[in-house]
Full PDB file with SEQRES, HELIX, SHEET, SSBOND, CRYST1, ORIGX, SCALE, CONECT and MASTER records, all heavy atoms in Angstrom:
SEQRES   1 A   37  ARG THR ASP ALA ARG ALA TYR LEU ASN SER VAL TYR LEU          
SEQRES   2 A   37  LYS ALA LYS ASN ASN THR LEU TYR GLY VAL GLY THR ASP          
SEQRES   3 A   37  GLY HIS ARG LEU SER ALA ILE LYS HIS SER ILE                  
HELIX    1 AA1 ALA A    6  LEU A    8  5                                   3    
SHEET    1 AA1 3 TYR A  12  LYS A  16  0                                        
SHEET    2 AA1 3 THR A  19  THR A  25 -1                                        
SHEET    3 AA1 3 LEU A  30  SER A  36 -1                                        
CRYST1    1.000    1.000    1.000  90.00  90.00  90.00 P 1           1          
ORIGX1      1.000000  0.000000  0.000000        0.00000                         
ORIGX2      0.000000  1.000000  0.000000        0.00000                         
ORIGX3      0.000000  0.000000  1.000000        0.00000                         
SCALE1      1.000000  0.000000  0.000000        0.00000                         
SCALE2      0.000000  1.000000  0.000000        0.00000                         
SCALE3      0.000000  0.000000  1.000000        0.00000                         
ATOM      1  N   ARG A   1      65.262 -73.247 101.227  1.00  0.00           N  
ATOM      2  CA  ARG A   1      64.892 -74.705 101.004  1.00  0.00           C  
ATOM      3  C   ARG A   1      66.080 -75.694 101.300  1.00  0.00           C  
ATOM      4  O   ARG A   1      65.860 -76.729 101.839  1.00  0.00           O  
ATOM      5  CB  ARG A   1      64.282 -74.878  99.643  1.00  0.00           C  
ATOM      6  CG  ARG A   1      63.007 -74.030  99.312  1.00  0.00           C  
ATOM      7  CD  ARG A   1      61.867 -74.430 100.217  1.00  0.00           C  
ATOM      8  NE  ARG A   1      60.616 -73.768  99.853  1.00  0.00           N  
ATOM      9  CZ  ARG A   1      60.144 -72.622 100.298  1.00  0.00           C  
ATOM     10  NH1 ARG A   1      60.862 -71.927 101.197  1.00  0.00           N  
ATOM     11  NH2 ARG A   1      59.029 -72.114  99.846  1.00  0.00           N  
ATOM     12  N   THR A   2      67.204 -75.223 100.810  1.00  0.00           N  
ATOM     13  CA  THR A   2      68.358 -76.187 100.784  1.00  0.00           C  
ATOM     14  C   THR A   2      69.557 -75.524 101.458  1.00  0.00           C  
ATOM     15  O   THR A   2      70.736 -75.905 101.096  1.00  0.00           O  
ATOM     16  CB  THR A   2      68.647 -76.701  99.433  1.00  0.00           C  
ATOM     17  OG1 THR A   2      68.929 -75.615  98.493  1.00  0.00           O  
ATOM     18  CG2 THR A   2      67.389 -77.484  98.899  1.00  0.00           C  
ATOM     19  N   ASP A   3      69.436 -74.442 102.220  1.00  0.00           N  
ATOM     20  CA  ASP A   3      70.581 -73.813 102.758  1.00  0.00           C  
ATOM     21  C   ASP A   3      71.277 -74.605 103.772  1.00  0.00           C  
ATOM     22  O   ASP A   3      70.672 -75.397 104.500  1.00  0.00           O  
ATOM     23  CB  ASP A   3      70.114 -72.449 103.395  1.00  0.00           C  
ATOM     24  CG  ASP A   3      71.257 -71.464 103.533  1.00  0.00           C  
ATOM     25  OD1 ASP A   3      72.013 -71.653 104.483  1.00  0.00           O  
ATOM     26  OD2 ASP A   3      71.355 -70.522 102.761  1.00  0.00           O  
ATOM     27  N   ALA A   4      72.674 -74.516 103.865  1.00  0.00           N  
ATOM     28  CA  ALA A   4      73.407 -75.265 104.854  1.00  0.00           C  
ATOM     29  C   ALA A   4      73.043 -74.872 106.306  1.00  0.00           C  
ATOM     30  O   ALA A   4      73.230 -75.665 107.138  1.00  0.00           O  
ATOM     31  CB  ALA A   4      74.875 -75.105 104.552  1.00  0.00           C  
ATOM     32  N   ARG A   5      72.530 -73.624 106.352  1.00  0.00           N  
ATOM     33  CA  ARG A   5      72.105 -73.224 107.750  1.00  0.00           C  
ATOM     34  C   ARG A   5      70.663 -73.546 107.960  1.00  0.00           C  
ATOM     35  O   ARG A   5      69.691 -72.962 107.329  1.00  0.00           O  
ATOM     36  CB  ARG A   5      72.364 -71.659 107.878  1.00  0.00           C  
ATOM     37  CG  ARG A   5      73.731 -71.188 107.741  1.00  0.00           C  
ATOM     38  CD  ARG A   5      73.806 -69.762 107.347  1.00  0.00           C  
ATOM     39  NE  ARG A   5      73.392 -69.491 106.008  1.00  0.00           N  
ATOM     40  CZ  ARG A   5      73.481 -68.339 105.372  1.00  0.00           C  
ATOM     41  NH1 ARG A   5      73.952 -67.288 106.015  1.00  0.00           N  
ATOM     42  NH2 ARG A   5      73.047 -68.169 104.163  1.00  0.00           N  
ATOM     43  N   ALA A   6      70.443 -74.443 108.895  1.00  0.00           N  
ATOM     44  CA  ALA A   6      69.101 -75.107 109.070  1.00  0.00           C  
ATOM     45  C   ALA A   6      68.114 -74.009 109.428  1.00  0.00           C  
ATOM     46  O   ALA A   6      66.936 -74.177 109.000  1.00  0.00           O  
ATOM     47  CB  ALA A   6      69.176 -76.219 110.104  1.00  0.00           C  
ATOM     48  N   TYR A   7      68.498 -72.948 110.220  1.00  0.00           N  
ATOM     49  CA  TYR A   7      67.510 -71.948 110.631  1.00  0.00           C  
ATOM     50  C   TYR A   7      66.983 -71.211 109.473  1.00  0.00           C  
ATOM     51  O   TYR A   7      65.831 -70.619 109.623  1.00  0.00           O  
ATOM     52  CB  TYR A   7      68.115 -71.103 111.755  1.00  0.00           C  
ATOM     53  CG  TYR A   7      69.276 -70.263 111.254  1.00  0.00           C  
ATOM     54  CD1 TYR A   7      69.078 -69.054 110.591  1.00  0.00           C  
ATOM     55  CD2 TYR A   7      70.624 -70.678 111.464  1.00  0.00           C  
ATOM     56  CE1 TYR A   7      70.080 -68.310 110.189  1.00  0.00           C  
ATOM     57  CE2 TYR A   7      71.643 -69.929 111.086  1.00  0.00           C  
ATOM     58  CZ  TYR A   7      71.391 -68.659 110.409  1.00  0.00           C  
ATOM     59  OH  TYR A   7      72.393 -67.945 110.000  1.00  0.00           O  
ATOM     60  N   LEU A   8      67.639 -71.164 108.352  1.00  0.00           N  
ATOM     61  CA  LEU A   8      67.143 -70.381 107.182  1.00  0.00           C  
ATOM     62  C   LEU A   8      66.124 -71.343 106.485  1.00  0.00           C  
ATOM     63  O   LEU A   8      65.196 -70.704 105.833  1.00  0.00           O  
ATOM     64  CB  LEU A   8      68.284 -70.052 106.248  1.00  0.00           C  
ATOM     65  CG  LEU A   8      69.170 -68.929 106.704  1.00  0.00           C  
ATOM     66  CD1 LEU A   8      70.193 -68.557 105.571  1.00  0.00           C  
ATOM     67  CD2 LEU A   8      68.441 -67.688 107.148  1.00  0.00           C  
ATOM     68  N   ASN A   9      66.137 -72.625 106.571  1.00  0.00           N  
ATOM     69  CA  ASN A   9      65.181 -73.466 105.977  1.00  0.00           C  
ATOM     70  C   ASN A   9      64.006 -73.688 106.960  1.00  0.00           C  
ATOM     71  O   ASN A   9      63.653 -74.828 107.243  1.00  0.00           O  
ATOM     72  CB  ASN A   9      65.893 -74.827 105.653  1.00  0.00           C  
ATOM     73  CG  ASN A   9      67.045 -74.679 104.739  1.00  0.00           C  
ATOM     74  OD1 ASN A   9      67.053 -73.812 103.817  1.00  0.00           O  
ATOM     75  ND2 ASN A   9      68.018 -75.486 104.946  1.00  0.00           N  
ATOM     76  N   SER A  10      63.470 -72.668 107.398  1.00  0.00           N  
ATOM     77  CA  SER A  10      62.393 -72.712 108.499  1.00  0.00           C  
ATOM     78  C   SER A  10      61.672 -71.451 108.500  1.00  0.00           C  
ATOM     79  O   SER A  10      61.967 -70.385 107.940  1.00  0.00           O  
ATOM     80  CB  SER A  10      63.102 -72.896 109.851  1.00  0.00           C  
ATOM     81  OG  SER A  10      63.945 -71.844 110.183  1.00  0.00           O  
ATOM     82  N   VAL A  11      60.543 -71.521 109.311  1.00  0.00           N  
ATOM     83  CA  VAL A  11      59.680 -70.344 109.593  1.00  0.00           C  
ATOM     84  C   VAL A  11      59.787 -70.109 111.087  1.00  0.00           C  
ATOM     85  O   VAL A  11      59.599 -70.977 111.881  1.00  0.00           O  
ATOM     86  CB  VAL A  11      58.184 -70.582 109.102  1.00  0.00           C  
ATOM     87  CG1 VAL A  11      57.301 -69.562 109.643  1.00  0.00           C  
ATOM     88  CG2 VAL A  11      58.165 -70.701 107.617  1.00  0.00           C  
ATOM     89  N   TYR A  12      59.958 -68.862 111.459  1.00  0.00           N  
ATOM     90  CA  TYR A  12      60.098 -68.565 112.831  1.00  0.00           C  
ATOM     91  C   TYR A  12      58.767 -67.893 113.313  1.00  0.00           C  
ATOM     92  O   TYR A  12      58.226 -67.003 112.739  1.00  0.00           O  
ATOM     93  CB  TYR A  12      61.262 -67.514 112.989  1.00  0.00           C  
ATOM     94  CG  TYR A  12      61.498 -66.924 114.344  1.00  0.00           C  
ATOM     95  CD1 TYR A  12      61.669 -67.690 115.500  1.00  0.00           C  
ATOM     96  CD2 TYR A  12      61.425 -65.521 114.564  1.00  0.00           C  
ATOM     97  CE1 TYR A  12      61.767 -67.236 116.770  1.00  0.00           C  
ATOM     98  CE2 TYR A  12      61.491 -64.977 115.862  1.00  0.00           C  
ATOM     99  CZ  TYR A  12      61.710 -65.747 116.888  1.00  0.00           C  
ATOM    100  OH  TYR A  12      61.891 -65.253 118.191  1.00  0.00           O  
ATOM    101  N   LEU A  13      58.276 -68.414 114.381  1.00  0.00           N  
ATOM    102  CA  LEU A  13      57.057 -67.919 115.017  1.00  0.00           C  
ATOM    103  C   LEU A  13      57.464 -67.462 116.420  1.00  0.00           C  
ATOM    104  O   LEU A  13      58.037 -68.136 117.182  1.00  0.00           O  
ATOM    105  CB  LEU A  13      55.975 -69.020 115.067  1.00  0.00           C  
ATOM    106  CG  LEU A  13      55.458 -69.666 113.807  1.00  0.00           C  
ATOM    107  CD1 LEU A  13      54.555 -70.713 114.040  1.00  0.00           C  
ATOM    108  CD2 LEU A  13      54.977 -68.587 112.860  1.00  0.00           C  
ATOM    109  N   LYS A  14      56.816 -66.265 116.795  1.00  0.00           N  
ATOM    110  CA  LYS A  14      57.111 -65.691 118.069  1.00  0.00           C  
ATOM    111  C   LYS A  14      55.830 -65.115 118.560  1.00  0.00           C  
ATOM    112  O   LYS A  14      55.147 -64.407 117.793  1.00  0.00           O  
ATOM    113  CB  LYS A  14      58.183 -64.603 118.050  1.00  0.00           C  
ATOM    114  CG  LYS A  14      58.518 -64.052 119.390  1.00  0.00           C  
ATOM    115  CD  LYS A  14      59.536 -62.904 119.295  1.00  0.00           C  
ATOM    116  CE  LYS A  14      59.880 -62.307 120.683  1.00  0.00           C  
ATOM    117  NZ  LYS A  14      60.543 -63.310 121.478  1.00  0.00           N  
ATOM    118  N   ALA A  15      55.381 -65.512 119.730  1.00  0.00           N  
ATOM    119  CA  ALA A  15      54.202 -65.008 120.361  1.00  0.00           C  
ATOM    120  C   ALA A  15      54.530 -64.121 121.561  1.00  0.00           C  
ATOM    121  O   ALA A  15      55.309 -64.557 122.473  1.00  0.00           O  
ATOM    122  CB  ALA A  15      53.272 -66.065 120.751  1.00  0.00           C  
ATOM    123  N   LYS A  16      54.120 -62.895 121.578  1.00  0.00           N  
ATOM    124  CA  LYS A  16      54.479 -62.055 122.702  1.00  0.00           C  
ATOM    125  C   LYS A  16      53.432 -60.889 122.812  1.00  0.00           C  
ATOM    126  O   LYS A  16      52.987 -60.357 121.783  1.00  0.00           O  
ATOM    127  CB  LYS A  16      55.888 -61.420 122.569  1.00  0.00           C  
ATOM    128  CG  LYS A  16      56.368 -60.641 123.729  1.00  0.00           C  
ATOM    129  CD  LYS A  16      57.755 -60.233 123.599  1.00  0.00           C  
ATOM    130  CE  LYS A  16      58.329 -59.526 124.872  1.00  0.00           C  
ATOM    131  NZ  LYS A  16      59.704 -59.120 124.689  1.00  0.00           N  
ATOM    132  N   ASN A  17      52.957 -60.586 123.994  1.00  0.00           N  
ATOM    133  CA  ASN A  17      51.958 -59.531 124.249  1.00  0.00           C  
ATOM    134  C   ASN A  17      50.690 -59.694 123.324  1.00  0.00           C  
ATOM    135  O   ASN A  17      50.316 -58.766 122.678  1.00  0.00           O  
ATOM    136  CB  ASN A  17      52.613 -58.160 123.995  1.00  0.00           C  
ATOM    137  CG  ASN A  17      53.728 -57.883 124.982  1.00  0.00           C  
ATOM    138  OD1 ASN A  17      53.690 -58.341 126.119  1.00  0.00           O  
ATOM    139  ND2 ASN A  17      54.719 -57.164 124.552  1.00  0.00           N  
ATOM    140  N   ASN A  18      50.251 -60.985 123.324  1.00  0.00           N  
ATOM    141  CA  ASN A  18      48.989 -61.288 122.555  1.00  0.00           C  
ATOM    142  C   ASN A  18      49.150 -60.960 121.036  1.00  0.00           C  
ATOM    143  O   ASN A  18      48.176 -60.747 120.365  1.00  0.00           O  
ATOM    144  CB  ASN A  18      47.749 -60.482 123.061  1.00  0.00           C  
ATOM    145  CG  ASN A  18      47.371 -61.089 124.475  1.00  0.00           C  
ATOM    146  OD1 ASN A  18      47.606 -62.213 124.817  1.00  0.00           O  
ATOM    147  ND2 ASN A  18      46.763 -60.188 125.255  1.00  0.00           N  
ATOM    148  N   THR A  19      50.382 -61.067 120.579  1.00  0.00           N  
ATOM    149  CA  THR A  19      50.595 -60.822 119.165  1.00  0.00           C  
ATOM    150  C   THR A  19      51.538 -61.958 118.637  1.00  0.00           C  
ATOM    151  O   THR A  19      52.412 -62.368 119.273  1.00  0.00           O  
ATOM    152  CB  THR A  19      51.311 -59.502 118.852  1.00  0.00           C  
ATOM    153  OG1 THR A  19      50.568 -58.421 119.343  1.00  0.00           O  
ATOM    154  CG2 THR A  19      51.584 -59.351 117.321  1.00  0.00           C  
ATOM    155  N   LEU A  20      51.123 -62.635 117.487  1.00  0.00           N  
ATOM    156  CA  LEU A  20      51.959 -63.591 116.926  1.00  0.00           C  
ATOM    157  C   LEU A  20      52.656 -63.099 115.703  1.00  0.00           C  
ATOM    158  O   LEU A  20      52.097 -62.439 114.825  1.00  0.00           O  
ATOM    159  CB  LEU A  20      51.052 -64.753 116.466  1.00  0.00           C  
ATOM    160  CG  LEU A  20      51.664 -65.895 115.677  1.00  0.00           C  
ATOM    161  CD1 LEU A  20      52.631 -66.702 116.636  1.00  0.00           C  
ATOM    162  CD2 LEU A  20      50.607 -66.980 115.154  1.00  0.00           C  
ATOM    163  N   TYR A  21      54.009 -63.291 115.689  1.00  0.00           N  
ATOM    164  CA  TYR A  21      54.870 -62.825 114.615  1.00  0.00           C  
ATOM    165  C   TYR A  21      55.294 -64.066 113.794  1.00  0.00           C  
ATOM    166  O   TYR A  21      55.687 -65.073 114.395  1.00  0.00           O  
ATOM    167  CB  TYR A  21      56.085 -62.092 115.181  1.00  0.00           C  
ATOM    168  CG  TYR A  21      55.810 -60.881 115.980  1.00  0.00           C  
ATOM    169  CD1 TYR A  21      55.467 -60.979 117.436  1.00  0.00           C  
ATOM    170  CD2 TYR A  21      55.642 -59.668 115.358  1.00  0.00           C  
ATOM    171  CE1 TYR A  21      55.219 -59.869 118.089  1.00  0.00           C  
ATOM    172  CE2 TYR A  21      55.289 -58.457 116.153  1.00  0.00           C  
ATOM    173  CZ  TYR A  21      55.079 -58.566 117.485  1.00  0.00           C  
ATOM    174  OH  TYR A  21      54.810 -57.569 118.261  1.00  0.00           O  
ATOM    175  N   GLY A  22      55.365 -63.892 112.508  1.00  0.00           N  
ATOM    176  CA  GLY A  22      55.915 -65.028 111.578  1.00  0.00           C  
ATOM    177  C   GLY A  22      56.952 -64.324 110.752  1.00  0.00           C  
ATOM    178  O   GLY A  22      56.851 -63.274 110.109  1.00  0.00           O  
ATOM    179  N   VAL A  23      58.158 -65.081 110.514  1.00  0.00           N  
ATOM    180  CA  VAL A  23      59.263 -64.554 109.826  1.00  0.00           C  
ATOM    181  C   VAL A  23      59.836 -65.740 108.973  1.00  0.00           C  
ATOM    182  O   VAL A  23      59.926 -66.904 109.441  1.00  0.00           O  
ATOM    183  CB  VAL A  23      60.365 -64.004 110.717  1.00  0.00           C  
ATOM    184  CG1 VAL A  23      61.570 -63.559 109.798  1.00  0.00           C  
ATOM    185  CG2 VAL A  23      59.883 -62.884 111.553  1.00  0.00           C  
ATOM    186  N   GLY A  24      60.145 -65.455 107.651  1.00  0.00           N  
ATOM    187  CA  GLY A  24      60.927 -66.415 106.841  1.00  0.00           C  
ATOM    188  C   GLY A  24      61.834 -65.605 106.068  1.00  0.00           C  
ATOM    189  O   GLY A  24      61.627 -64.563 105.603  1.00  0.00           O  
ATOM    190  N   THR A  25      63.095 -66.217 105.900  1.00  0.00           N  
ATOM    191  CA  THR A  25      64.130 -65.638 105.159  1.00  0.00           C  
ATOM    192  C   THR A  25      65.078 -66.620 104.633  1.00  0.00           C  
ATOM    193  O   THR A  25      65.323 -67.584 105.244  1.00  0.00           O  
ATOM    194  CB  THR A  25      64.934 -64.526 105.926  1.00  0.00           C  
ATOM    195  OG1 THR A  25      65.906 -63.949 105.125  1.00  0.00           O  
ATOM    196  CG2 THR A  25      65.595 -65.150 107.100  1.00  0.00           C  
ATOM    197  N   ASP A  26      65.571 -66.371 103.384  1.00  0.00           N  
ATOM    198  CA  ASP A  26      66.638 -67.186 102.785  1.00  0.00           C  
ATOM    199  C   ASP A  26      67.936 -66.479 102.699  1.00  0.00           C  
ATOM    200  O   ASP A  26      68.902 -66.981 102.061  1.00  0.00           O  
ATOM    201  CB  ASP A  26      66.225 -67.750 101.426  1.00  0.00           C  
ATOM    202  CG  ASP A  26      65.918 -66.593 100.381  1.00  0.00           C  
ATOM    203  OD1 ASP A  26      66.179 -65.354 100.737  1.00  0.00           O  
ATOM    204  OD2 ASP A  26      65.422 -66.912  99.261  1.00  0.00           O  
ATOM    205  N   GLY A  27      68.020 -65.342 103.327  1.00  0.00           N  
ATOM    206  CA  GLY A  27      69.277 -64.527 103.210  1.00  0.00           C  
ATOM    207  C   GLY A  27      69.298 -63.475 102.158  1.00  0.00           C  
ATOM    208  O   GLY A  27      70.042 -62.529 102.120  1.00  0.00           O  
ATOM    209  N   HIS A  28      68.336 -63.614 101.114  1.00  0.00           N  
ATOM    210  CA  HIS A  28      68.286 -62.680 100.057  1.00  0.00           C  
ATOM    211  C   HIS A  28      67.004 -61.812 100.168  1.00  0.00           C  
ATOM    212  O   HIS A  28      66.893 -60.738  99.563  1.00  0.00           O  
ATOM    213  CB  HIS A  28      68.348 -63.379  98.733  1.00  0.00           C  
ATOM    214  CG  HIS A  28      69.574 -64.184  98.466  1.00  0.00           C  
ATOM    215  ND1 HIS A  28      70.771 -63.587  98.233  1.00  0.00           N  
ATOM    216  CD2 HIS A  28      69.757 -65.549  98.578  1.00  0.00           C  
ATOM    217  CE1 HIS A  28      71.714 -64.567  98.071  1.00  0.00           C  
ATOM    218  NE2 HIS A  28      71.077 -65.681  98.353  1.00  0.00           N  
ATOM    219  N   ARG A  29      65.953 -62.281 100.911  1.00  0.00           N  
ATOM    220  CA  ARG A  29      64.712 -61.639 101.065  1.00  0.00           C  
ATOM    221  C   ARG A  29      64.096 -62.141 102.419  1.00  0.00           C  
ATOM    222  O   ARG A  29      64.582 -63.151 103.048  1.00  0.00           O  
ATOM    223  CB  ARG A  29      63.807 -61.985  99.858  1.00  0.00           C  
ATOM    224  CG  ARG A  29      63.566 -63.584  99.761  1.00  0.00           C  
ATOM    225  CD  ARG A  29      62.654 -63.847  98.633  1.00  0.00           C  
ATOM    226  NE  ARG A  29      62.609 -65.249  98.365  1.00  0.00           N  
ATOM    227  CZ  ARG A  29      61.760 -65.823  97.566  1.00  0.00           C  
ATOM    228  NH1 ARG A  29      60.850 -65.138  96.969  1.00  0.00           N  
ATOM    229  NH2 ARG A  29      61.788 -67.132  97.361  1.00  0.00           N  
ATOM    230  N   LEU A  30      63.233 -61.379 102.966  1.00  0.00           N  
ATOM    231  CA  LEU A  30      62.612 -61.680 104.204  1.00  0.00           C  
ATOM    232  C   LEU A  30      61.160 -61.274 104.131  1.00  0.00           C  
ATOM    233  O   LEU A  30      60.699 -60.283 103.547  1.00  0.00           O  
ATOM    234  CB  LEU A  30      63.385 -60.839 105.256  1.00  0.00           C  
ATOM    235  CG  LEU A  30      62.917 -60.989 106.710  1.00  0.00           C  
ATOM    236  CD1 LEU A  30      64.119 -60.869 107.646  1.00  0.00           C  
ATOM    237  CD2 LEU A  30      61.808 -59.875 107.079  1.00  0.00           C  
ATOM    238  N   SER A  31      60.344 -62.007 104.862  1.00  0.00           N  
ATOM    239  CA  SER A  31      58.959 -61.734 104.994  1.00  0.00           C  
ATOM    240  C   SER A  31      58.606 -61.775 106.512  1.00  0.00           C  
ATOM    241  O   SER A  31      58.965 -62.717 107.224  1.00  0.00           O  
ATOM    242  CB  SER A  31      58.046 -62.765 104.275  1.00  0.00           C  
ATOM    243  OG  SER A  31      56.617 -62.514 104.476  1.00  0.00           O  
ATOM    244  N   ALA A  32      57.913 -60.783 106.954  1.00  0.00           N  
ATOM    245  CA  ALA A  32      57.515 -60.618 108.377  1.00  0.00           C  
ATOM    246  C   ALA A  32      56.095 -60.261 108.442  1.00  0.00           C  
ATOM    247  O   ALA A  32      55.566 -59.256 107.766  1.00  0.00           O  
ATOM    248  CB  ALA A  32      58.429 -59.495 109.078  1.00  0.00           C  
ATOM    249  N   ILE A  33      55.388 -60.979 109.343  1.00  0.00           N  
ATOM    250  CA  ILE A  33      53.845 -60.743 109.436  1.00  0.00           C  
ATOM    251  C   ILE A  33      53.540 -60.808 110.930  1.00  0.00           C  
ATOM    252  O   ILE A  33      54.213 -61.418 111.685  1.00  0.00           O  
ATOM    253  CB  ILE A  33      53.038 -61.866 108.764  1.00  0.00           C  
ATOM    254  CG1 ILE A  33      53.617 -62.077 107.339  1.00  0.00           C  
ATOM    255  CG2 ILE A  33      51.608 -61.521 108.717  1.00  0.00           C  
ATOM    256  CD1 ILE A  33      54.547 -63.265 107.187  1.00  0.00           C  
ATOM    257  N   LYS A  34      52.484 -60.021 111.391  1.00  0.00           N  
ATOM    258  CA  LYS A  34      52.056 -60.181 112.752  1.00  0.00           C  
ATOM    259  C   LYS A  34      50.506 -60.173 112.732  1.00  0.00           C  
ATOM    260  O   LYS A  34      49.881 -59.556 111.875  1.00  0.00           O  
ATOM    261  CB  LYS A  34      52.597 -59.014 113.564  1.00  0.00           C  
ATOM    262  CG  LYS A  34      52.117 -57.654 113.094  1.00  0.00           C  
ATOM    263  CD  LYS A  34      52.677 -56.564 114.025  1.00  0.00           C  
ATOM    264  CE  LYS A  34      52.105 -55.177 113.594  1.00  0.00           C  
ATOM    265  NZ  LYS A  34      52.743 -54.103 114.542  1.00  0.00           N  
ATOM    266  N   HIS A  35      49.923 -60.873 113.755  1.00  0.00           N  
ATOM    267  CA  HIS A  35      48.511 -60.915 113.974  1.00  0.00           C  
ATOM    268  C   HIS A  35      48.209 -61.037 115.492  1.00  0.00           C  
ATOM    269  O   HIS A  35      49.049 -61.590 116.205  1.00  0.00           O  
ATOM    270  CB  HIS A  35      47.924 -62.187 113.227  1.00  0.00           C  
ATOM    271  CG  HIS A  35      47.740 -61.950 111.779  1.00  0.00           C  
ATOM    272  ND1 HIS A  35      46.812 -61.144 111.262  1.00  0.00           N  
ATOM    273  CD2 HIS A  35      48.362 -62.545 110.727  1.00  0.00           C  
ATOM    274  CE1 HIS A  35      46.874 -61.132 109.912  1.00  0.00           C  
ATOM    275  NE2 HIS A  35      47.810 -62.018 109.554  1.00  0.00           N  
ATOM    276  N   SER A  36      47.081 -60.660 115.964  1.00  0.00           N  
ATOM    277  CA  SER A  36      46.691 -60.798 117.314  1.00  0.00           C  
ATOM    278  C   SER A  36      46.214 -62.143 117.579  1.00  0.00           C  
ATOM    279  O   SER A  36      45.663 -62.898 116.682  1.00  0.00           O  
ATOM    280  CB  SER A  36      45.546 -59.777 117.631  1.00  0.00           C  
ATOM    281  OG  SER A  36      45.941 -58.488 117.406  1.00  0.00           O  
ATOM    282  N   ILE A  37      46.468 -62.684 118.791  1.00  0.00           N  
ATOM    283  CA  ILE A  37      46.077 -63.948 119.250  1.00  0.00           C  
ATOM    284  C   ILE A  37      45.528 -63.941 120.635  1.00  0.00           C  
ATOM    285  O   ILE A  37      45.668 -62.935 121.368  1.00  0.00           O  
ATOM    286  CB  ILE A  37      47.346 -64.956 119.236  1.00  0.00           C  
ATOM    287  CG1 ILE A  37      48.401 -64.428 120.167  1.00  0.00           C  
ATOM    288  CG2 ILE A  37      47.886 -65.105 117.877  1.00  0.00           C  
ATOM    289  CD1 ILE A  37      49.527 -65.425 120.417  1.00  0.00           C  
TER     290      ILE A  37                                                      
MASTER        0    0    0    1    3    0    0    6  289    1    0    3          
END                                                                             
Protein backbone atom coordinates (compact mmCIF):
# COMPACT_ATOMS: atom_id res chain seq x y z
CA ARG A 1 0.00 0.00 0.00
CA THR A 2 2.73 2.49 0.93
CA ASP A 3 5.98 0.87 -0.21
CA ALA A 4 8.65 3.15 -1.67
CA ARG A 5 8.84 0.75 -4.62
CA ALA A 6 5.83 1.65 -6.77
CA TYR A 7 5.64 -1.76 -8.44
CA LEU A 8 4.90 -3.38 -5.05
CA ASN A 9 1.91 -1.06 -4.61
CA SER A 10 0.25 -2.63 -7.63
CA VAL A 11 -1.35 -5.71 -9.15
CA TYR A 12 0.44 -7.36 -12.05
CA LEU A 13 -1.67 -8.85 -14.84
CA LYS A 14 -0.20 -10.98 -17.60
CA ALA A 15 -2.11 -12.59 -20.46
CA LYS A 16 -0.40 -15.33 -22.44
CA ASN A 17 -1.57 -18.43 -24.30
CA ASN A 18 -5.25 -17.67 -23.51
CA THR A 19 -4.48 -17.56 -19.79
CA LEU A 20 -4.67 -14.52 -17.54
CA TYR A 21 -2.32 -14.37 -14.56
CA GLY A 22 -2.70 -12.02 -11.59
CA VAL A 23 0.00 -11.34 -8.98
CA GLY A 24 0.21 -9.13 -5.91
CA THR A 25 3.04 -8.92 -3.36
CA ASP A 26 4.26 -6.58 -0.65
CA GLY A 27 7.61 -8.33 -0.24
CA HIS A 28 6.43 -10.42 2.73
CA ARG A 29 3.70 -12.41 1.01
CA LEU A 30 2.55 -13.11 -2.52
CA SER A 31 -0.70 -14.13 -4.19
CA ALA A 32 -0.76 -15.65 -7.69
CA ILE A 33 -3.89 -16.61 -9.64
CA LYS A 34 -4.63 -17.78 -13.19
CA HIS A 35 -7.79 -18.10 -15.31
CA SER A 36 -8.56 -18.86 -18.95
CA ILE A 37 -9.55 -15.96 -21.23
